Full PDB file with SEQRES, HELIX, SHEET, SSBOND, CRYST1, ORIGX, SCALE, CONECT and MASTER records, all heavy atoms in Angstrom:
SEQRES   1 A   36  GLY GLU GLN SER ALA LYS SER LEU ARG GLY ALA ASN MET          
SEQRES   2 A   36  GLN ASP VAL ILE PHE SER GLY THR GLN MET ARG LYS SER          
SEQRES   3 A   36  LEU GLY PHE ALA TYR VAL ALA ILE THR LEU                      
HELIX    1 AA1 MET A   13  VAL A   16  5                                   4    
CRYST1    1.000    1.000    1.000  90.00  90.00  90.00 P 1           1          
ORIGX1      1.000000  0.000000  0.000000        0.00000                         
ORIGX2      0.000000  1.000000  0.000000        0.00000                         
ORIGX3      0.000000  0.000000  1.000000        0.00000                         
SCALE1      1.000000  0.000000  0.000000        0.00000                         
SCALE2      0.000000  1.000000  0.000000        0.00000                         
SCALE3      0.000000  0.000000  1.000000        0.00000                         
ATOM      1  N   GLY A   1       3.170  12.210   0.753  1.00  0.00           N  
ATOM      2  CA  GLY A   1       2.896  10.840   1.208  1.00  0.00           C  
ATOM      3  C   GLY A   1       1.490  10.577   1.642  1.00  0.00           C  
ATOM      4  O   GLY A   1       1.235   9.566   2.301  1.00  0.00           O  
ATOM      5  N   GLU A   2       0.522  11.418   1.283  1.00  0.00           N  
ATOM      6  CA  GLU A   2      -0.866  11.176   1.662  1.00  0.00           C  
ATOM      7  C   GLU A   2      -1.377   9.895   0.982  1.00  0.00           C  
ATOM      8  O   GLU A   2      -1.270   9.737  -0.226  1.00  0.00           O  
ATOM      9  CB  GLU A   2      -1.740  12.367   1.252  1.00  0.00           C  
ATOM     10  CG  GLU A   2      -3.216  12.202   1.603  1.00  0.00           C  
ATOM     11  CD  GLU A   2      -3.442  12.075   3.102  1.00  0.00           C  
ATOM     12  OE1 GLU A   2      -3.124  13.030   3.831  1.00  0.00           O  
ATOM     13  OE2 GLU A   2      -3.906  10.986   3.520  1.00  0.00           O  
ATOM     14  N   GLN A   3      -1.920   8.957   1.761  1.00  0.00           N  
ATOM     15  CA  GLN A   3      -2.383   7.668   1.258  1.00  0.00           C  
ATOM     16  C   GLN A   3      -3.903   7.547   1.247  1.00  0.00           C  
ATOM     17  O   GLN A   3      -4.441   6.581   0.701  1.00  0.00           O  
ATOM     18  CB  GLN A   3      -1.815   6.518   2.111  1.00  0.00           C  
ATOM     19  CG  GLN A   3      -0.308   6.434   2.088  1.00  0.00           C  
ATOM     20  CD  GLN A   3       0.230   6.152   0.708  1.00  0.00           C  
ATOM     21  OE1 GLN A   3      -0.197   5.221   0.045  1.00  0.00           O  
ATOM     22  NE2 GLN A   3       1.172   6.977   0.256  1.00  0.00           N  
ATOM     23  N   SER A   4      -4.603   8.531   1.831  1.00  0.00           N  
ATOM     24  CA  SER A   4      -6.057   8.477   1.899  1.00  0.00           C  
ATOM     25  C   SER A   4      -6.640   9.259   0.732  1.00  0.00           C  
ATOM     26  O   SER A   4      -6.443  10.478   0.621  1.00  0.00           O  
ATOM     27  CB  SER A   4      -6.550   9.056   3.234  1.00  0.00           C  
ATOM     28  OG  SER A   4      -7.959   9.139   3.247  1.00  0.00           O  
ATOM     29  N   ALA A   5      -7.356   8.561  -0.151  1.00  0.00           N  
ATOM     30  CA  ALA A   5      -7.996   9.247  -1.278  1.00  0.00           C  
ATOM     31  C   ALA A   5      -9.123  10.148  -0.799  1.00  0.00           C  
ATOM     32  O   ALA A   5      -9.421  11.169  -1.428  1.00  0.00           O  
ATOM     33  CB  ALA A   5      -8.532   8.219  -2.272  1.00  0.00           C  
ATOM     34  N   LYS A   6      -9.740   9.806   0.333  1.00  0.00           N  
ATOM     35  CA  LYS A   6     -10.818  10.628   0.871  1.00  0.00           C  
ATOM     36  C   LYS A   6     -10.304  11.989   1.302  1.00  0.00           C  
ATOM     37  O   LYS A   6     -10.986  13.012   1.136  1.00  0.00           O  
ATOM     38  CB  LYS A   6     -11.469   9.894   2.036  1.00  0.00           C  
ATOM     39  CG  LYS A   6     -12.712  10.580   2.588  1.00  0.00           C  
ATOM     40  CD  LYS A   6     -13.335   9.750   3.684  1.00  0.00           C  
ATOM     41  CE  LYS A   6     -14.588  10.434   4.229  1.00  0.00           C  
ATOM     42  NZ  LYS A   6     -15.204   9.648   5.329  1.00  0.00           N  
ATOM     43  N   SER A   7      -9.085  12.031   1.879  1.00  0.00           N  
ATOM     44  CA  SER A   7      -8.499  13.313   2.278  1.00  0.00           C  
ATOM     45  C   SER A   7      -8.215  14.191   1.071  1.00  0.00           C  
ATOM     46  O   SER A   7      -8.128  15.414   1.196  1.00  0.00           O  
ATOM     47  CB  SER A   7      -7.204  13.072   3.065  1.00  0.00           C  
ATOM     48  OG  SER A   7      -7.455  12.311   4.224  1.00  0.00           O  
ATOM     49  N   LEU A   8      -8.043  13.559  -0.111  1.00  0.00           N  
ATOM     50  CA  LEU A   8      -7.799  14.311  -1.347  1.00  0.00           C  
ATOM     51  C   LEU A   8      -9.080  14.535  -2.136  1.00  0.00           C  
ATOM     52  O   LEU A   8      -9.029  14.870  -3.321  1.00  0.00           O  
ATOM     53  CB  LEU A   8      -6.788  13.553  -2.216  1.00  0.00           C  
ATOM     54  CG  LEU A   8      -5.417  13.326  -1.584  1.00  0.00           C  
ATOM     55  CD1 LEU A   8      -4.575  12.426  -2.462  1.00  0.00           C  
ATOM     56  CD2 LEU A   8      -4.700  14.647  -1.353  1.00  0.00           C  
ATOM     57  N   ARG A   9     -10.235  14.287  -1.458  1.00  0.00           N  
ATOM     58  CA  ARG A   9     -11.547  14.499  -2.075  1.00  0.00           C  
ATOM     59  C   ARG A   9     -11.739  13.608  -3.297  1.00  0.00           C  
ATOM     60  O   ARG A   9     -12.134  14.061  -4.370  1.00  0.00           O  
ATOM     61  CB  ARG A   9     -11.736  15.976  -2.453  1.00  0.00           C  
ATOM     62  CG  ARG A   9     -11.692  16.916  -1.266  1.00  0.00           C  
ATOM     63  CD  ARG A   9     -11.698  18.355  -1.716  1.00  0.00           C  
ATOM     64  NE  ARG A   9     -10.508  18.653  -2.498  1.00  0.00           N  
ATOM     65  CZ  ARG A   9     -10.387  19.738  -3.260  1.00  0.00           C  
ATOM     66  NH1 ARG A   9     -11.379  20.587  -3.358  1.00  0.00           N  
ATOM     67  NH2 ARG A   9      -9.276  19.956  -3.928  1.00  0.00           N  
ATOM     68  N   GLY A  10     -11.423  12.335  -3.113  1.00  0.00           N  
ATOM     69  CA  GLY A  10     -11.603  11.357  -4.183  1.00  0.00           C  
ATOM     70  C   GLY A  10     -12.037  10.017  -3.628  1.00  0.00           C  
ATOM     71  O   GLY A  10     -11.959   9.767  -2.412  1.00  0.00           O  
ATOM     72  N   ALA A  11     -12.507   9.124  -4.537  1.00  0.00           N  
ATOM     73  CA  ALA A  11     -12.943   7.794  -4.114  1.00  0.00           C  
ATOM     74  C   ALA A  11     -11.777   6.821  -4.050  1.00  0.00           C  
ATOM     75  O   ALA A  11     -11.713   5.956  -3.176  1.00  0.00           O  
ATOM     76  CB  ALA A  11     -14.020   7.261  -5.068  1.00  0.00           C  
ATOM     77  N   ASN A  12     -10.837   6.916  -4.979  1.00  0.00           N  
ATOM     78  CA  ASN A  12      -9.639   6.085  -4.963  1.00  0.00           C  
ATOM     79  C   ASN A  12      -8.481   6.908  -5.504  1.00  0.00           C  
ATOM     80  O   ASN A  12      -8.658   8.037  -5.977  1.00  0.00           O  
ATOM     81  CB  ASN A  12      -9.841   4.797  -5.780  1.00  0.00           C  
ATOM     82  CG  ASN A  12     -10.358   5.086  -7.176  1.00  0.00           C  
ATOM     83  OD1 ASN A  12      -9.749   5.847  -7.927  1.00  0.00           O  
ATOM     84  ND2 ASN A  12     -11.499   4.496  -7.516  1.00  0.00           N  
ATOM     85  N   MET A  13      -7.280   6.313  -5.437  1.00  0.00           N  
ATOM     86  CA  MET A  13      -6.089   7.074  -5.779  1.00  0.00           C  
ATOM     87  C   MET A  13      -6.026   7.401  -7.274  1.00  0.00           C  
ATOM     88  O   MET A  13      -5.361   8.359  -7.674  1.00  0.00           O  
ATOM     89  CB  MET A  13      -4.844   6.287  -5.345  1.00  0.00           C  
ATOM     90  CG  MET A  13      -3.586   7.134  -5.272  1.00  0.00           C  
ATOM     91  SD  MET A  13      -3.757   8.609  -4.237  1.00  0.00           S  
ATOM     92  CE  MET A  13      -3.880   7.875  -2.616  1.00  0.00           C  
ATOM     93  N   GLN A  14      -6.732   6.619  -8.137  1.00  0.00           N  
ATOM     94  CA  GLN A  14      -6.728   6.930  -9.563  1.00  0.00           C  
ATOM     95  C   GLN A  14      -7.532   8.194  -9.887  1.00  0.00           C  
ATOM     96  O   GLN A  14      -7.405   8.741 -10.979  1.00  0.00           O  
ATOM     97  CB  GLN A  14      -7.289   5.755 -10.366  1.00  0.00           C  
ATOM     98  CG  GLN A  14      -6.309   4.615 -10.590  1.00  0.00           C  
ATOM     99  CD  GLN A  14      -6.013   3.838  -9.332  1.00  0.00           C  
ATOM    100  OE1 GLN A  14      -6.872   3.755  -8.450  1.00  0.00           O  
ATOM    101  NE2 GLN A  14      -4.837   3.273  -9.223  1.00  0.00           N  
ATOM    102  N   ASP A  15      -8.357   8.671  -8.908  1.00  0.00           N  
ATOM    103  CA  ASP A  15      -9.139   9.882  -9.150  1.00  0.00           C  
ATOM    104  C   ASP A  15      -8.276  11.126  -9.206  1.00  0.00           C  
ATOM    105  O   ASP A  15      -8.755  12.184  -9.653  1.00  0.00           O  
ATOM    106  CB  ASP A  15     -10.206  10.044  -8.070  1.00  0.00           C  
ATOM    107  CG  ASP A  15     -11.301   9.000  -8.204  1.00  0.00           C  
ATOM    108  OD1 ASP A  15     -11.396   8.398  -9.287  1.00  0.00           O  
ATOM    109  OD2 ASP A  15     -12.049   8.780  -7.237  1.00  0.00           O  
ATOM    110  N   VAL A  16      -7.036  11.073  -8.717  1.00  0.00           N  
ATOM    111  CA  VAL A  16      -6.172  12.263  -8.765  1.00  0.00           C  
ATOM    112  C   VAL A  16      -5.590  12.460 -10.158  1.00  0.00           C  
ATOM    113  O   VAL A  16      -5.002  13.500 -10.440  1.00  0.00           O  
ATOM    114  CB  VAL A  16      -5.029  12.142  -7.728  1.00  0.00           C  
ATOM    115  CG1 VAL A  16      -5.582  11.962  -6.332  1.00  0.00           C  
ATOM    116  CG2 VAL A  16      -4.076  11.008  -8.073  1.00  0.00           C  
ATOM    117  N   ILE A  17      -5.747  11.486 -11.063  1.00  0.00           N  
ATOM    118  CA  ILE A  17      -5.231  11.612 -12.433  1.00  0.00           C  
ATOM    119  C   ILE A  17      -6.260  12.363 -13.277  1.00  0.00           C  
ATOM    120  O   ILE A  17      -7.461  12.133 -13.156  1.00  0.00           O  
ATOM    121  CB  ILE A  17      -4.934  10.227 -13.034  1.00  0.00           C  
ATOM    122  CG1 ILE A  17      -3.934   9.471 -12.158  1.00  0.00           C  
ATOM    123  CG2 ILE A  17      -4.374  10.349 -14.441  1.00  0.00           C  
ATOM    124  CD1 ILE A  17      -3.693   8.039 -12.597  1.00  0.00           C  
ATOM    125  N   PHE A  18      -5.791  13.250 -14.133  1.00  0.00           N  
ATOM    126  CA  PHE A  18      -6.665  14.050 -14.992  1.00  0.00           C  
ATOM    127  C   PHE A  18      -7.537  13.116 -15.834  1.00  0.00           C  
ATOM    128  O   PHE A  18      -7.037  12.287 -16.592  1.00  0.00           O  
ATOM    129  CB  PHE A  18      -5.820  14.950 -15.893  1.00  0.00           C  
ATOM    130  CG  PHE A  18      -6.627  15.784 -16.843  1.00  0.00           C  
ATOM    131  CD1 PHE A  18      -7.392  16.842 -16.379  1.00  0.00           C  
ATOM    132  CD2 PHE A  18      -6.617  15.510 -18.204  1.00  0.00           C  
ATOM    133  CE1 PHE A  18      -8.138  17.601 -17.259  1.00  0.00           C  
ATOM    134  CE2 PHE A  18      -7.357  16.270 -19.080  1.00  0.00           C  
ATOM    135  CZ  PHE A  18      -8.120  17.321 -18.600  1.00  0.00           C  
ATOM    136  N   SER A  19      -8.879  13.261 -15.676  1.00  0.00           N  
ATOM    137  CA  SER A  19      -9.813  12.318 -16.301  1.00  0.00           C  
ATOM    138  C   SER A  19     -10.304  12.762 -17.661  1.00  0.00           C  
ATOM    139  O   SER A  19     -11.081  12.054 -18.292  1.00  0.00           O  
ATOM    140  CB  SER A  19     -11.025  12.120 -15.374  1.00  0.00           C  
ATOM    141  OG  SER A  19     -11.656  13.357 -15.117  1.00  0.00           O  
ATOM    142  N   GLY A  20      -9.876  13.943 -18.140  1.00  0.00           N  
ATOM    143  CA  GLY A  20     -10.237  14.372 -19.482  1.00  0.00           C  
ATOM    144  C   GLY A  20     -11.488  15.232 -19.522  1.00  0.00           C  
ATOM    145  O   GLY A  20     -12.274  15.285 -18.561  1.00  0.00           O  
ATOM    146  N   THR A  21     -11.677  15.909 -20.660  1.00  0.00           N  
ATOM    147  CA  THR A  21     -12.845  16.747 -20.894  1.00  0.00           C  
ATOM    148  C   THR A  21     -13.375  16.473 -22.302  1.00  0.00           C  
ATOM    149  O   THR A  21     -12.899  15.565 -22.986  1.00  0.00           O  
ATOM    150  CB  THR A  21     -12.470  18.246 -20.759  1.00  0.00           C  
ATOM    151  OG1 THR A  21     -11.490  18.568 -21.755  1.00  0.00           O  
ATOM    152  CG2 THR A  21     -11.901  18.534 -19.376  1.00  0.00           C  
ATOM    153  N   GLN A  22     -14.347  17.279 -22.729  1.00  0.00           N  
ATOM    154  CA  GLN A  22     -14.875  17.114 -24.086  1.00  0.00           C  
ATOM    155  C   GLN A  22     -13.846  17.490 -25.141  1.00  0.00           C  
ATOM    156  O   GLN A  22     -13.887  16.982 -26.262  1.00  0.00           O  
ATOM    157  CB  GLN A  22     -16.116  17.987 -24.258  1.00  0.00           C  
ATOM    158  CG  GLN A  22     -17.301  17.520 -23.416  1.00  0.00           C  
ATOM    159  CD  GLN A  22     -18.525  18.383 -23.638  1.00  0.00           C  
ATOM    160  OE1 GLN A  22     -18.446  19.401 -24.317  1.00  0.00           O  
ATOM    161  NE2 GLN A  22     -19.661  17.991 -23.061  1.00  0.00           N  
ATOM    162  N   MET A  23     -12.920  18.362 -24.784  1.00  0.00           N  
ATOM    163  CA  MET A  23     -11.934  18.849 -25.733  1.00  0.00           C  
ATOM    164  C   MET A  23     -10.591  18.136 -25.613  1.00  0.00           C  
ATOM    165  O   MET A  23      -9.786  18.181 -26.532  1.00  0.00           O  
ATOM    166  CB  MET A  23     -11.722  20.357 -25.551  1.00  0.00           C  
ATOM    167  CG  MET A  23     -12.997  21.169 -25.665  1.00  0.00           C  
ATOM    168  SD  MET A  23     -13.753  21.034 -27.297  1.00  0.00           S  
ATOM    169  CE  MET A  23     -12.508  21.822 -28.295  1.00  0.00           C  
ATOM    170  N   ARG A  24     -10.341  17.490 -24.458  1.00  0.00           N  
ATOM    171  CA  ARG A  24      -9.039  16.842 -24.243  1.00  0.00           C  
ATOM    172  C   ARG A  24      -9.253  15.441 -23.712  1.00  0.00           C  
ATOM    173  O   ARG A  24     -10.187  15.191 -22.940  1.00  0.00           O  
ATOM    174  CB  ARG A  24      -8.192  17.640 -23.240  1.00  0.00           C  
ATOM    175  CG  ARG A  24      -7.855  19.056 -23.713  1.00  0.00           C  
ATOM    176  CD  ARG A  24      -6.743  19.654 -22.902  1.00  0.00           C  
ATOM    177  NE  ARG A  24      -5.548  18.837 -22.984  1.00  0.00           N  
ATOM    178  CZ  ARG A  24      -4.375  19.202 -22.475  1.00  0.00           C  
ATOM    179  NH1 ARG A  24      -4.253  20.360 -21.852  1.00  0.00           N  
ATOM    180  NH2 ARG A  24      -3.322  18.420 -22.575  1.00  0.00           N  
ATOM    181  N   LYS A  25      -8.391  14.548 -24.131  1.00  0.00           N  
ATOM    182  CA  LYS A  25      -8.476  13.179 -23.636  1.00  0.00           C  
ATOM    183  C   LYS A  25      -7.764  13.050 -22.294  1.00  0.00           C  
ATOM    184  O   LYS A  25      -6.941  13.896 -21.925  1.00  0.00           O  
ATOM    185  CB  LYS A  25      -7.867  12.203 -24.650  1.00  0.00           C  
ATOM    186  CG  LYS A  25      -6.394  12.418 -24.908  1.00  0.00           C  
ATOM    187  CD  LYS A  25      -5.886  11.408 -25.929  1.00  0.00           C  
ATOM    188  CE  LYS A  25      -4.380  11.571 -26.183  1.00  0.00           C  
ATOM    189  NZ  LYS A  25      -3.899  10.586 -27.164  1.00  0.00           N  
ATOM    190  N   SER A  26      -8.079  11.993 -21.566  1.00  0.00           N  
ATOM    191  CA  SER A  26      -7.508  11.792 -20.236  1.00  0.00           C  
ATOM    192  C   SER A  26      -6.028  11.410 -20.333  1.00  0.00           C  
ATOM    193  O   SER A  26      -5.551  10.941 -21.361  1.00  0.00           O  
ATOM    194  CB  SER A  26      -8.280  10.703 -19.501  1.00  0.00           C  
ATOM    195  OG  SER A  26      -8.192   9.478 -20.215  1.00  0.00           O  
ATOM    196  N   LEU A  27      -5.327  11.598 -19.210  1.00  0.00           N  
ATOM    197  CA  LEU A  27      -3.916  11.232 -19.121  1.00  0.00           C  
ATOM    198  C   LEU A  27      -3.760   9.897 -18.406  1.00  0.00           C  
ATOM    199  O   LEU A  27      -4.669   9.438 -17.708  1.00  0.00           O  
ATOM    200  CB  LEU A  27      -3.131  12.318 -18.388  1.00  0.00           C  
ATOM    201  CG  LEU A  27      -3.094  13.702 -19.065  1.00  0.00           C  
ATOM    202  CD1 LEU A  27      -2.276  14.679 -18.228  1.00  0.00           C  
ATOM    203  CD2 LEU A  27      -2.528  13.611 -20.468  1.00  0.00           C  
ATOM    204  N   GLY A  28      -2.595   9.300 -18.550  1.00  0.00           N  
ATOM    205  CA  GLY A  28      -2.351   7.982 -17.947  1.00  0.00           C  
ATOM    206  C   GLY A  28      -1.580   8.032 -16.645  1.00  0.00           C  
ATOM    207  O   GLY A  28      -1.352   6.988 -16.029  1.00  0.00           O  
ATOM    208  N   PHE A  29      -1.195   9.214 -16.179  1.00  0.00           N  
ATOM    209  CA  PHE A  29      -0.423   9.302 -14.942  1.00  0.00           C  
ATOM    210  C   PHE A  29      -0.617  10.682 -14.327  1.00  0.00           C  
ATOM    211  O   PHE A  29      -1.099  11.619 -14.975  1.00  0.00           O  
ATOM    212  CB  PHE A  29       1.070   9.056 -15.220  1.00  0.00           C  
ATOM    213  CG  PHE A  29       1.727  10.169 -15.991  1.00  0.00           C  
ATOM    214  CD1 PHE A  29       2.410  11.194 -15.341  1.00  0.00           C  
ATOM    215  CD2 PHE A  29       1.646  10.215 -17.374  1.00  0.00           C  
ATOM    216  CE1 PHE A  29       2.997  12.214 -16.047  1.00  0.00           C  
ATOM    217  CE2 PHE A  29       2.234  11.230 -18.091  1.00  0.00           C  
ATOM    218  CZ  PHE A  29       2.920  12.243 -17.423  1.00  0.00           C  
ATOM    219  N   ALA A  30      -0.227  10.805 -13.054  1.00  0.00           N  
ATOM    220  CA  ALA A  30      -0.200  12.092 -12.343  1.00  0.00           C  
ATOM    221  C   ALA A  30       1.181  12.245 -11.723  1.00  0.00           C  
ATOM    222  O   ALA A  30       1.736  11.279 -11.169  1.00  0.00           O  
ATOM    223  CB  ALA A  30      -1.282  12.145 -11.275  1.00  0.00           C  
ATOM    224  N   TYR A  31       1.737  13.436 -11.806  1.00  0.00           N  
ATOM    225  CA  TYR A  31       3.107  13.683 -11.331  1.00  0.00           C  
ATOM    226  C   TYR A  31       3.144  15.017 -10.593  1.00  0.00           C  
ATOM    227  O   TYR A  31       2.610  16.028 -11.076  1.00  0.00           O  
ATOM    228  CB  TYR A  31       4.078  13.704 -12.509  1.00  0.00           C  
ATOM    229  CG  TYR A  31       5.497  14.103 -12.138  1.00  0.00           C  
ATOM    230  CD1 TYR A  31       6.362  13.179 -11.572  1.00  0.00           C  
ATOM    231  CD2 TYR A  31       5.954  15.397 -12.353  1.00  0.00           C  
ATOM    232  CE1 TYR A  31       7.655  13.538 -11.227  1.00  0.00           C  
ATOM    233  CE2 TYR A  31       7.248  15.760 -12.016  1.00  0.00           C  
ATOM    234  CZ  TYR A  31       8.105  14.828 -11.455  1.00  0.00           C  
ATOM    235  OH  TYR A  31       9.371  15.183 -11.120  1.00  0.00           O  
ATOM    236  N   VAL A  32       3.754  15.010  -9.405  1.00  0.00           N  
ATOM    237  CA  VAL A  32       3.948  16.228  -8.611  1.00  0.00           C  
ATOM    238  C   VAL A  32       5.360  16.191  -8.045  1.00  0.00           C  
ATOM    239  O   VAL A  32       5.816  15.151  -7.550  1.00  0.00           O  
ATOM    240  CB  VAL A  32       2.913  16.345  -7.477  1.00  0.00           C  
ATOM    241  CG1 VAL A  32       3.185  17.597  -6.640  1.00  0.00           C  
ATOM    242  CG2 VAL A  32       1.498  16.389  -8.024  1.00  0.00           C  
ATOM    243  N   ALA A  33       6.060  17.321  -8.127  1.00  0.00           N  
ATOM    244  CA  ALA A  33       7.410  17.447  -7.556  1.00  0.00           C  
ATOM    245  C   ALA A  33       7.462  18.742  -6.760  1.00  0.00           C  
ATOM    246  O   ALA A  33       7.014  19.796  -7.229  1.00  0.00           O  
ATOM    247  CB  ALA A  33       8.464  17.451  -8.658  1.00  0.00           C  
ATOM    248  N   ILE A  34       7.986  18.661  -5.538  1.00  0.00           N  
ATOM    249  CA  ILE A  34       8.118  19.822  -4.667  1.00  0.00           C  
ATOM    250  C   ILE A  34       9.602  20.043  -4.389  1.00  0.00           C  
ATOM    251  O   ILE A  34      10.340  19.094  -4.090  1.00  0.00           O  
ATOM    252  CB  ILE A  34       7.317  19.626  -3.364  1.00  0.00           C  
ATOM    253  CG1 ILE A  34       7.411  20.876  -2.485  1.00  0.00           C  
ATOM    254  CG2 ILE A  34       7.749  18.398  -2.607  1.00  0.00           C  
ATOM    255  CD1 ILE A  34       6.484  20.826  -1.290  1.00  0.00           C  
ATOM    256  N   THR A  35      10.053  21.290  -4.537  1.00  0.00           N  
ATOM    257  CA  THR A  35      11.470  21.634  -4.371  1.00  0.00           C  
ATOM    258  C   THR A  35      11.617  22.556  -3.174  1.00  0.00           C  
ATOM    259  O   THR A  35      10.918  23.580  -3.067  1.00  0.00           O  
ATOM    260  CB  THR A  35      12.017  22.314  -5.631  1.00  0.00           C  
ATOM    261  OG1 THR A  35      11.817  21.433  -6.744  1.00  0.00           O  
ATOM    262  CG2 THR A  35      13.504  22.596  -5.481  1.00  0.00           C  
ATOM    263  N   LEU A  36      12.539  22.188  -2.250  1.00  0.00           N  
ATOM    264  CA  LEU A  36      12.785  22.947  -1.020  1.00  0.00           C  
ATOM    265  C   LEU A  36      14.239  23.389  -0.977  1.00  0.00           C  
ATOM    266  O   LEU A  36      15.142  22.663  -1.412  1.00  0.00           O  
ATOM    267  CB  LEU A  36      12.460  22.098   0.215  1.00  0.00           C  
ATOM    268  CG  LEU A  36      11.022  21.605   0.340  1.00  0.00           C  
ATOM    269  CD1 LEU A  36      10.917  20.574   1.453  1.00  0.00           C  
ATOM    270  CD2 LEU A  36      10.075  22.763   0.615  1.00  0.00           C  
TER     271      LEU A  36                                                      
MASTER        0    0    0    1    0    0    0    6  270    1    0    3          
END                                                                             
């Protein structure tokens, strides 16, 4: 539930999505699941 992009070392929440490289294109979403 972290809502601060600065705490995640980013400027905004879209920065957590994979932005791509020279060999791979960027993705349109980010997904994380934690199981306890």
